Amino acid sequence: MGKRKLTIQQQRRIRERRRDGGSPSPAEMAADRALGPEREGVVITRYGSQADVLPPDFSADDQPQRCHIRANLTDLVTGDRIVWREGHDTGVIERARTRQTIMARPDKQGRSRPVAANVDRIAVVIAPEPRPHASLIDRYLVAAETQGIRPLIILNKVDLLTGPDAGHLKALLDTYAELDYEVLRVSARNGDGMGPLFAYLADHTSVLVGQSGVGKSTLVNILCPGAAATVGSLSEQAAKGRHTTTSATLYAMPNGGRLIDSPGIREFGLWHLDTRAVAEGFVEFRPVLGGCRFRDCRHLDEPGCAVLEAAARGQIQARRLASYQHIVRELLDH
């Protein structure tokens, strides 16, 4: 019996490896021949050099296939659409399709690090505890606006909303409602507001973001029955949540939607953006952007700044202006 011929894709990979100064070993070539045909898929979760993969139309009952990631695919993330091949035990992800959107945040070196791909809705989850930080919410909104992704703000744990916190959170949420951002008040514990949330996320691919401990994983378990998201408890010290989700994971919702549970983070830098992009991300700035005396105006303390003049007239809230300026000063100092 003659030797089995290599496919076009296998021949292409061999040529690429030879250009890079290496050659596949006989064992690698044999393993390549044992793989099945190419098929479309989506990354469910990434684990270092491997990832779990499912078909694009997967349901909650489907079991993912663990796959090795080709060495040239360095930045694959949950939600990426890919081409993969099935193996006996472990498949192989061959290449990635073009992304429609990417949710990213900078690493410690300030380089943009993808978090989730191909999402069209971002749900920023806050709660009475841990106490929400308006600056963190603003950063998520800027990240969403720069990608053209529709954001939603979810106040979870409304059953715990009592005392002075109630007034503080109402004022905070009113700030965003005045900017035409959608706000939902829910309780994962008793089910309040979950119906409108199901409807909002239906037929979309959404990502839940927010601080640790706000109840993202609990919401995932309700929105996606059967999800194995681990529910964490609040830390007793400083009411900061323990990090229970370590990798972003994509789940199927019963109403046809897709939901990504992302690791909780307490800081979200925007160092991968420039000052112009940050200004565009503050939606109330847009009507006056371009009206400044200087084309490179950063809207800090420059004379003839249209943004500062709009704030003085009350068209831009002082807190939001201060939040923008804090972000920009971080960019300039980074």
Foldseek 3Di string as FASTA:
>chain_A
DDDDDDDPLVVVVQVVQVVVVDGDDPVRVVQNVQWADKDKWFFFWDDQQKTWIDHPQDAQPDDTAIAGEPPVPHQDAGGWIFIWTDHPRHTYTRGTDDFLFFQWFADPVLDTHTAYTNFQEEEEEDEVFPPDDLLQVLLVLLSCVLSNHQYEYEYEPVVPDDDPSVVVVVVSVVQVVVVVHHYFYAYLVPGPRVVVVLVVQAQGEYEYAYAAPRCLQSNCCVQAPPDPQDDWHFDPPSRGHDFRDDIWGWGAGPRGGIYIYGTHDPDGADLVDALVSSQVSPVLSVVCQVQAPDVPDSLDDDPRRSSVVCVVVVSDPPVVSVSSNVNNVVNVVD
